[in-house]
Amino acid sequence: MMDIRGEKLTGPNTMSSCRYLVAIFALSVPTILCTTAHHRYECPSPLIEGKTRHALRYVNVYDGPPENLASLIPVPAGKADMWDELEYVDAYLACDYKGTDKIITIHALGATVCKGTDHPSAAFCD
């Protein structure tokens, strides 16, 4: 067995060193796999252009880019609209604003649920 300098390892500590390295690797893999950062994707509310503030008008969620026209139907959830069970969907959150033709599109990669509310006017995907 060789060390990182390319020198041959011999002696009684060689096997214990290998076991030590294997143990460190085995303990670090679950930590690496479980530390996936949770991300919230949010529509800017309000949208600010210079000195003009545009209130969020409506929100839509798509499976894939909006130009593919695969709009998803929300489930009413009290005073909010909700899109859930998005595990197998490539979610895109489209945010439309009053007083402008600009639409902010956010690729909500890995989101499992999206929600839009009227009061306060907000939309996000988790």
Protein backbone atom coordinates (compact mmCIF):
# COMPACT_ATOMS: atom_id res chain seq x y z
CA MET A 1 0.00 0.00 0.00
CA MET A 2 1.29 3.52 -0.81
CA ASP A 3 0.83 6.80 1.05
CA ILE A 4 -0.10 10.08 -0.65
CA ARG A 5 3.59 10.79 -1.37
CA GLY A 6 3.93 7.49 -3.23
CA GLU A 7 6.03 5.84 -0.54
CA LYS A 8 5.36 2.25 0.42
CA LEU A 9 3.59 1.82 3.73
CA THR A 10 4.81 -1.00 5.93
CA GLY A 11 4.63 -1.90 9.56
CA PRO A 12 1.94 -2.50 12.16
CA ASN A 13 0.24 0.91 11.77
CA THR A 14 -0.60 0.42 8.08
CA MET A 15 -3.82 -1.55 8.66
CA SER A 16 -4.98 0.63 11.54
CA SER A 17 -4.42 3.73 9.39
CA CYS A 18 -6.55 2.22 6.61
CA ARG A 19 -9.32 1.33 9.06
CA TYR A 20 -9.18 4.84 10.46
CA LEU A 21 -9.55 6.39 7.00
CA VAL A 22 -12.41 4.03 6.09
CA ALA A 23 -14.18 4.89 9.36
CA ILE A 24 -13.87 8.64 8.71
CA PHE A 25 -15.23 8.21 5.18
CA ALA A 26 -18.12 6.01 6.32
CA LEU A 27 -19.13 8.52 9.00
CA SER A 28 -18.92 11.53 6.68
CA VAL A 29 -21.03 10.15 3.80
CA PRO A 30 -24.38 10.27 5.68
CA THR A 31 -23.60 13.82 6.81
CA ILE A 32 -22.88 14.91 3.26
CA LEU A 33 -26.03 13.26 1.93
CA CYS A 34 -28.29 14.69 4.66
CA THR A 35 -27.09 18.29 4.51
CA THR A 36 -28.93 19.20 1.32
CA ALA A 37 -29.92 22.81 1.80
CA HIS A 38 -33.61 23.57 1.92
CA HIS A 39 -34.46 26.47 -0.34
CA ARG A 40 -37.53 28.70 -0.49
CA TYR A 41 -38.34 30.26 -3.86
CA GLU A 42 -40.40 33.46 -3.50
CA CYS A 43 -42.02 35.95 -5.84
CA PRO A 44 -40.74 39.45 -5.15
CA SER A 45 -43.60 41.31 -3.46
CA PRO A 46 -43.81 44.02 -4.52
CA LEU A 47 -41.83 44.19 -7.74
CA ILE A 48 -39.86 47.45 -7.69
CA GLU A 49 -38.87 49.18 -10.95
CA GLY A 50 -37.06 52.41 -10.18
CA LYS A 51 -39.49 54.34 -7.96
CA THR A 52 -42.54 52.33 -9.05
CA ARG A 53 -43.85 49.48 -6.92
CA HIS A 54 -45.98 46.80 -8.60
CA ALA A 55 -48.19 44.59 -6.46
CA LEU A 56 -48.33 40.87 -7.12
CA ARG A 57 -51.44 40.22 -9.24
CA TYR A 58 -51.51 36.46 -9.71
CA VAL A 59 -49.31 33.41 -9.60
CA ASN A 60 -49.12 30.27 -11.65
CA VAL A 61 -47.06 27.08 -11.33
CA TYR A 62 -45.90 25.14 -14.37
CA ASP A 63 -44.41 21.72 -14.95
CA GLY A 64 -41.41 22.82 -16.99
CA PRO A 65 -40.77 26.26 -18.48
CA PRO A 66 -43.96 28.37 -18.90
CA GLU A 67 -43.50 28.51 -22.68
CA ASN A 68 -44.34 24.77 -22.69
CA LEU A 69 -47.85 25.75 -21.44
CA ALA A 70 -48.02 22.94 -18.83
CA SER A 71 -49.89 24.99 -16.22
CA LEU A 72 -50.78 23.10 -13.04
CA ILE A 73 -54.18 23.45 -11.35
CA PRO A 74 -54.04 24.69 -7.75
CA VAL A 75 -55.91 23.12 -4.87
CA PRO A 76 -57.90 25.71 -2.87
CA ALA A 77 -56.55 25.80 0.69
CA GLY A 78 -58.60 28.32 2.65
CA LYS A 79 -57.47 31.81 1.68
CA ALA A 80 -54.65 30.45 -0.45
CA ASP A 81 -54.05 28.42 -3.57
CA MET A 82 -51.71 25.50 -3.16
CA TRP A 83 -49.88 23.23 -5.56
CA ASP A 84 -48.69 20.14 -3.73
CA GLU A 85 -47.24 16.74 -4.52
CA LEU A 86 -44.67 18.31 -6.82
CA GLU A 87 -41.97 15.69 -6.16
CA TYR A 88 -42.01 14.51 -9.79
CA VAL A 89 -42.62 17.92 -11.35
CA ASP A 90 -40.05 20.38 -12.70
CA ALA A 91 -41.76 23.32 -10.98
CA TYR A 92 -41.60 26.87 -12.32
CA LEU A 93 -43.23 29.69 -10.34
CA ALA A 94 -44.55 32.52 -12.55
CA CYS A 95 -45.26 35.86 -10.82
CA ASP A 96 -47.43 38.44 -12.62
CA TYR A 97 -47.66 42.06 -11.42
CA LYS A 98 -50.21 44.90 -11.65
CA GLY A 99 -49.28 47.88 -13.83
CA THR A 100 -46.56 46.13 -15.84
CA ASP A 101 -46.28 43.41 -18.43
CA LYS A 102 -43.27 41.88 -16.64
CA ILE A 103 -43.57 38.34 -15.36
CA ILE A 104 -40.91 36.99 -13.03
CA THR A 105 -40.31 33.27 -13.61
CA ILE A 106 -38.48 31.25 -10.97
CA HIS A 107 -37.27 27.68 -11.51
CA ALA A 108 -38.27 26.13 -8.16
CA LEU A 109 -35.85 23.23 -8.41
CA GLY A 110 -36.70 20.48 -5.92
CA ALA A 111 -39.85 22.17 -4.59
CA THR A 112 -42.55 19.86 -3.27
CA VAL A 113 -45.24 22.47 -2.56
CA CYS A 114 -46.07 25.98 -3.80
CA LYS A 115 -48.54 28.42 -2.29
CA GLY A 116 -50.06 31.75 -3.27
CA THR A 117 -52.05 34.09 -0.98
CA ASP A 118 -54.06 37.26 -1.61
CA HIS A 119 -53.78 38.94 1.79
CA PRO A 120 -50.91 39.49 2.10
CA SER A 121 -50.12 39.14 -1.56
CA ALA A 122 -47.35 36.53 -1.64
CA ALA A 123 -46.24 33.38 -3.40
CA PHE A 124 -43.54 30.84 -2.66
CA CYS A 125 -42.39 27.28 -3.27
CA ASP A 126 -40.65 25.05 -0.72
